[in-house]
Amino acid sequence: MKSIKNWDNKTWLSSKDYINSFNKFLIKHSNLNSSSKILDIGCGRGKILGNLSTKLKLKNRPIGIDIESHKDKDKKIFFKKIDGINFFKANNKRFDLILIKQTIHLLKMSEIKKLIKFCKNNLLPEGQIFIFTLDPVKNEIPTFKKMHQKLQYSLNKDKKIINFIIKNNKCISKKFIYKVKVKKQKYLKMVKDKYISTLLDFNLKDIEKGCEEIRLKFKNEINFRDKLRCVVIKK
């Protein structure tokens, strides 16, 4: 599984406003309370989980797992450097909420099937799994030509994953939308830092050419909607 080091590092995804908006959505559509036990698979720096812990005044320290361990990860979470499948092989805990945000597409379909099975087996009676992917139909992420082509390939995979989940599980589907305003120079730095998995395999020449396309294509302030599809699975 590929590691994304910069997806939540100094981007709109790490802003207080985004995190507050995301957690407001999460609380509204779940049955979370101060006694909830929460696991975040692919937590990055754990800022979403840390903020959620504060909002709910969680009695149980939430667990965040990721294959990348960052020095600035949130101190309110219990972090483990491990992937989801191997975590569950040694796990003896049960959870009210298991969160998988924008990481499931990095797995093979066989791994996704195994991970979802593990997740369901490790839910408490009223527990839920929240799986977020980029909206595969009406996505607005700013791109350059080669990035767009690669993103479309990834979104098609997301579509297949969502269809598989809906077909094989008791679930409901929702959408989370966040309005983004970002300076072009800031977004160019994000692209150079490969903030999204679509960019991971691009070489320096690809990135430089893409940045030049973005300079010509967009105004000094880039406005778009970050649209996520959310599938909620119940036990």
Protein backbone atom coordinates (compact mmCIF):
# COMPACT_ATOMS: atom_id res chain seq x y z
CA MET A 1 0.00 0.00 0.00
CA LYS A 2 1.38 3.39 -0.99
CA SER A 3 1.99 6.01 1.67
CA ILE A 4 0.64 9.54 1.23
CA LYS A 5 2.72 11.84 3.42
CA ASN A 6 1.19 15.23 2.65
CA TRP A 7 -2.58 14.79 2.21
CA ASP A 8 -3.33 16.40 5.59
CA ASN A 9 -0.22 18.57 5.86
CA LYS A 10 -0.94 22.31 5.54
CA THR A 11 -3.81 21.88 3.08
CA TRP A 12 -7.52 22.72 3.39
CA LEU A 13 -7.84 19.16 4.73
CA SER A 14 -5.82 20.16 7.79
CA SER A 15 -7.57 23.50 8.39
CA LYS A 16 -9.66 23.97 11.53
CA ASP A 17 -12.69 24.93 9.45
CA TYR A 18 -12.52 21.76 7.34
CA ILE A 19 -12.00 19.50 10.36
CA ASN A 20 -14.88 21.16 12.24
CA SER A 21 -17.17 20.83 9.20
CA PHE A 22 -16.22 17.19 8.68
CA ASN A 23 -16.76 16.26 12.33
CA LYS A 24 -20.07 18.13 12.42
CA PHE A 25 -21.17 15.91 9.51
CA LEU A 26 -19.84 12.80 11.27
CA ILE A 27 -21.65 13.55 14.54
CA LYS A 28 -24.90 14.42 12.76
CA HIS A 29 -25.06 11.14 10.85
CA SER A 30 -23.78 8.78 13.57
CA ASN A 31 -24.79 7.79 17.08
CA LEU A 32 -21.58 8.96 18.74
CA ASN A 33 -21.42 10.13 22.36
CA SER A 34 -18.80 10.62 25.08
CA SER A 35 -18.61 6.86 25.72
CA SER A 36 -17.99 5.93 22.07
CA LYS A 37 -15.01 3.84 21.06
CA ILE A 38 -13.55 5.01 17.75
CA LEU A 39 -10.98 3.67 15.27
CA ASP A 40 -9.62 5.67 12.32
CA ILE A 41 -7.95 3.56 9.60
CA GLY A 42 -5.50 5.72 7.62
CA CYS A 43 -5.63 8.55 10.14
CA GLY A 44 -2.67 10.57 8.83
CA ARG A 45 -1.73 13.03 11.56
CA GLY A 46 -4.89 12.21 13.49
CA LYS A 47 -6.16 15.80 13.60
CA ILE A 48 -9.74 14.82 12.71
CA LEU A 49 -9.77 12.18 15.44
CA GLY A 50 -8.19 14.54 17.98
CA ASN A 51 -10.75 17.23 17.26
CA LEU A 52 -13.57 14.68 17.52
CA SER A 53 -12.24 13.56 20.89
CA THR A 54 -12.41 17.16 22.17
CA LYS A 55 -15.88 17.81 20.73
CA LEU A 56 -17.39 14.68 22.25
CA LYS A 57 -15.25 14.74 25.42
CA LEU A 58 -14.45 11.10 24.77
CA LYS A 59 -13.81 8.92 27.81
CA ASN A 60 -12.05 6.35 25.65
CA ARG A 61 -8.92 7.52 23.86
CA PRO A 62 -9.59 7.03 20.12
CA ILE A 63 -7.24 4.80 18.11
CA GLY A 64 -5.65 5.98 14.88
CA ILE A 65 -3.64 3.70 12.61
CA ASP A 66 -1.54 4.52 9.56
CA ILE A 67 1.48 3.13 7.74
CA GLU A 68 3.15 6.56 8.05
CA SER A 69 4.08 7.92 11.49
CA HIS A 70 4.29 11.73 11.58
CA LYS A 71 6.15 13.69 14.26
CA ASP A 72 3.26 16.17 14.56
CA LYS A 73 0.45 13.63 15.01
CA ASP A 74 -2.30 14.58 17.46
CA LYS A 75 -1.53 13.76 21.09
CA LYS A 76 -5.18 13.04 21.96
CA ILE A 77 -5.15 9.78 19.98
CA PHE A 78 -3.56 6.41 20.60
CA PHE A 79 -1.52 5.91 17.41
CA LYS A 80 -0.27 2.66 15.91
CA LYS A 81 1.94 2.42 12.84
CA ILE A 82 0.27 -0.50 11.07
CA ASP A 83 -2.13 -1.25 8.22
CA GLY A 84 -5.77 -2.09 8.84
CA ILE A 85 -5.68 -5.84 8.13
CA ASN A 86 -2.67 -6.52 10.35
CA PHE A 87 -4.15 -4.33 13.10
CA PHE A 88 -7.29 -6.47 13.23
CA LYS A 89 -5.31 -9.72 13.29
CA ALA A 90 -4.01 -8.76 16.74
CA ASN A 91 -6.97 -6.67 17.91
CA ASN A 92 -9.30 -7.65 20.76
CA LYS A 93 -11.30 -4.41 20.96
CA ARG A 94 -14.74 -3.53 19.59
CA PHE A 95 -15.76 -0.13 18.22
CA ASP A 96 -18.81 2.10 17.90
CA LEU A 97 -17.30 3.81 14.85
CA ILE A 98 -14.67 2.73 12.36
CA LEU A 99 -13.64 5.54 10.01
CA ILE A 100 -11.95 4.95 6.64
CA LYS A 101 -11.47 8.32 4.95
CA GLN A 102 -10.07 8.54 1.40
CA THR A 103 -7.71 5.59 1.75
CA ILE A 104 -9.68 2.50 0.72
CA HIS A 105 -8.86 3.02 -2.99
CA LEU A 106 -5.19 2.35 -2.18
CA LEU A 107 -6.04 -1.30 -1.48
CA LYS A 108 -6.61 -4.19 -3.85
CA MET A 109 -10.20 -5.44 -4.07
CA SER A 110 -9.26 -8.67 -2.26
CA GLU A 111 -7.82 -6.56 0.58
CA ILE A 112 -10.93 -4.36 0.67
CA LYS A 113 -13.18 -7.41 1.07
CA LYS A 114 -11.00 -8.70 3.89
CA LEU A 115 -10.79 -5.30 5.61
CA ILE A 116 -14.56 -4.72 5.56
CA LYS A 117 -15.14 -8.21 6.98
CA PHE A 118 -12.67 -7.48 9.79
CA CYS A 119 -14.33 -4.12 10.45
CA LYS A 120 -17.82 -5.63 10.71
CA ASN A 121 -16.58 -8.36 13.03
CA ASN A 122 -15.04 -5.72 15.30
CA LEU A 123 -18.09 -3.48 15.67
CA LEU A 124 -20.12 -3.17 18.84
CA PRO A 125 -23.86 -4.05 18.48
CA GLU A 126 -24.91 -0.57 17.28
CA GLY A 127 -21.58 0.20 15.63
CA GLN A 128 -21.07 1.76 12.19
CA ILE A 129 -18.37 1.93 9.52
CA PHE A 130 -18.02 5.25 7.70
CA ILE A 131 -16.18 4.97 4.37
CA PHE A 132 -15.39 8.17 2.48
CA THR A 133 -14.16 8.41 -1.11
CA LEU A 134 -13.90 11.30 -3.55
CA ASP A 135 -17.20 11.71 -5.36
CA PRO A 136 -16.56 9.59 -8.47
CA VAL A 137 -19.25 11.27 -10.59
CA LYS A 138 -19.07 15.06 -10.14
CA ASN A 139 -15.57 15.62 -8.82
CA GLU A 140 -14.14 19.15 -8.87
CA ILE A 141 -10.51 18.65 -7.73
CA PRO A 142 -8.32 21.10 -9.72
CA THR A 143 -6.10 19.15 -12.11
CA PHE A 144 -3.77 19.35 -15.09
CA LYS A 145 -4.20 17.04 -18.11
CA LYS A 146 -2.12 14.04 -17.00
CA MET A 147 -3.36 14.37 -13.41
CA HIS A 148 -6.96 14.43 -14.66
CA GLN A 149 -6.45 11.22 -16.63
CA LYS A 150 -4.92 9.45 -13.64
CA LEU A 151 -7.60 10.80 -11.31
CA GLN A 152 -10.36 9.50 -13.59
CA TYR A 153 -8.82 6.05 -13.44
CA SER A 154 -8.81 6.25 -9.63
CA LEU A 155 -12.40 7.55 -9.53
CA ASN A 156 -13.54 4.64 -11.69
CA LYS A 157 -11.99 2.32 -9.12
CA ASP A 158 -13.80 4.25 -6.35
CA LYS A 159 -17.06 3.72 -8.23
CA LYS A 160 -16.48 -0.04 -8.37
CA ILE A 161 -15.58 -0.10 -4.67
CA ILE A 162 -18.73 1.82 -3.72
CA ASN A 163 -20.93 -0.46 -5.86
CA PHE A 164 -19.34 -3.54 -4.27
CA ILE A 165 -19.88 -2.20 -0.74
CA ILE A 166 -23.52 -1.27 -1.40
CA LYS A 167 -24.26 -4.62 -3.06
CA ASN A 168 -22.77 -6.72 -0.25
CA ASN A 169 -23.64 -4.79 2.90
CA LYS A 170 -26.52 -3.18 4.75
CA CYS A 171 -25.68 0.47 4.23
CA ILE A 172 -26.81 3.99 3.40
CA SER A 173 -25.09 6.58 1.22
CA LYS A 174 -24.54 10.29 1.94
CA LYS A 175 -22.45 13.20 0.62
CA PHE A 176 -20.09 15.58 2.36
CA ILE A 177 -19.30 18.83 0.51
CA TYR A 178 -16.77 21.46 1.57
CA LYS A 179 -16.23 24.73 -0.29
CA VAL A 180 -12.54 25.35 -0.85
CA LYS A 181 -10.78 28.65 -1.50
CA VAL A 182 -7.05 28.29 -2.01
CA LYS A 183 -4.41 30.60 -3.45
CA LYS A 184 -2.94 29.31 -6.69
CA GLN A 185 0.62 29.47 -5.32
CA LYS A 186 -0.47 27.43 -2.30
CA TYR A 187 -2.12 24.83 -4.51
CA LEU A 188 0.98 24.59 -6.69
CA LYS A 189 3.02 23.76 -3.59
CA MET A 190 0.49 21.09 -2.66
CA VAL A 191 0.87 19.54 -6.11
CA LYS A 192 4.66 19.60 -5.79
CA ASP A 193 4.30 17.91 -2.39
CA LYS A 194 2.08 15.23 -4.01
CA TYR A 195 -0.81 15.81 -1.61
CA ILE A 196 -3.07 13.29 -3.38
CA SER A 197 -2.38 9.66 -4.32
CA THR A 198 -2.97 10.45 -8.01
CA LEU A 199 0.37 12.28 -8.05
CA LEU A 200 2.51 9.67 -6.28
CA ASP A 201 3.94 8.06 -9.43
CA PHE A 202 4.60 11.33 -11.26
CA ASN A 203 8.23 12.32 -11.83
CA LEU A 204 9.66 15.82 -11.49
CA LYS A 205 9.12 16.58 -15.18
CA ASP A 206 5.43 15.57 -14.94
CA ILE A 207 4.94 17.80 -11.89
CA GLU A 208 6.71 20.80 -13.41
CA LYS A 209 4.70 20.54 -16.64
CA GLY A 210 1.49 20.12 -14.64
CA CYS A 211 2.22 23.16 -12.48
CA GLU A 212 2.71 25.25 -15.61
CA GLU A 213 -0.69 24.09 -16.88
CA ILE A 214 -2.29 25.07 -13.56
CA ARG A 215 -0.63 28.52 -13.69
CA LEU A 216 -2.28 29.15 -17.07
CA LYS A 217 -5.60 27.44 -16.34
CA PHE A 218 -6.61 28.95 -12.98
CA LYS A 219 -6.97 32.41 -11.46
CA ASN A 220 -4.93 33.55 -8.46
CA GLU A 221 -7.61 32.16 -6.15
CA ILE A 222 -8.94 28.69 -6.94
CA ASN A 223 -12.51 27.97 -5.84
CA PHE A 224 -14.10 24.53 -5.95
CA ARG A 225 -16.12 22.06 -3.91
CA ASP A 226 -14.36 19.11 -2.29
CA LYS A 227 -17.08 16.48 -2.67
CA LEU A 228 -16.96 13.16 -0.84
CA ARG A 229 -19.22 10.14 -1.11
CA CYS A 230 -19.90 8.54 2.26
CA VAL A 231 -21.08 4.96 2.63
CA VAL A 232 -22.25 4.00 6.12
CA ILE A 233 -22.23 0.27 6.93
CA LYS A 234 -24.10 -1.15 9.90
CA LYS A 235 -23.31 -4.46 11.53
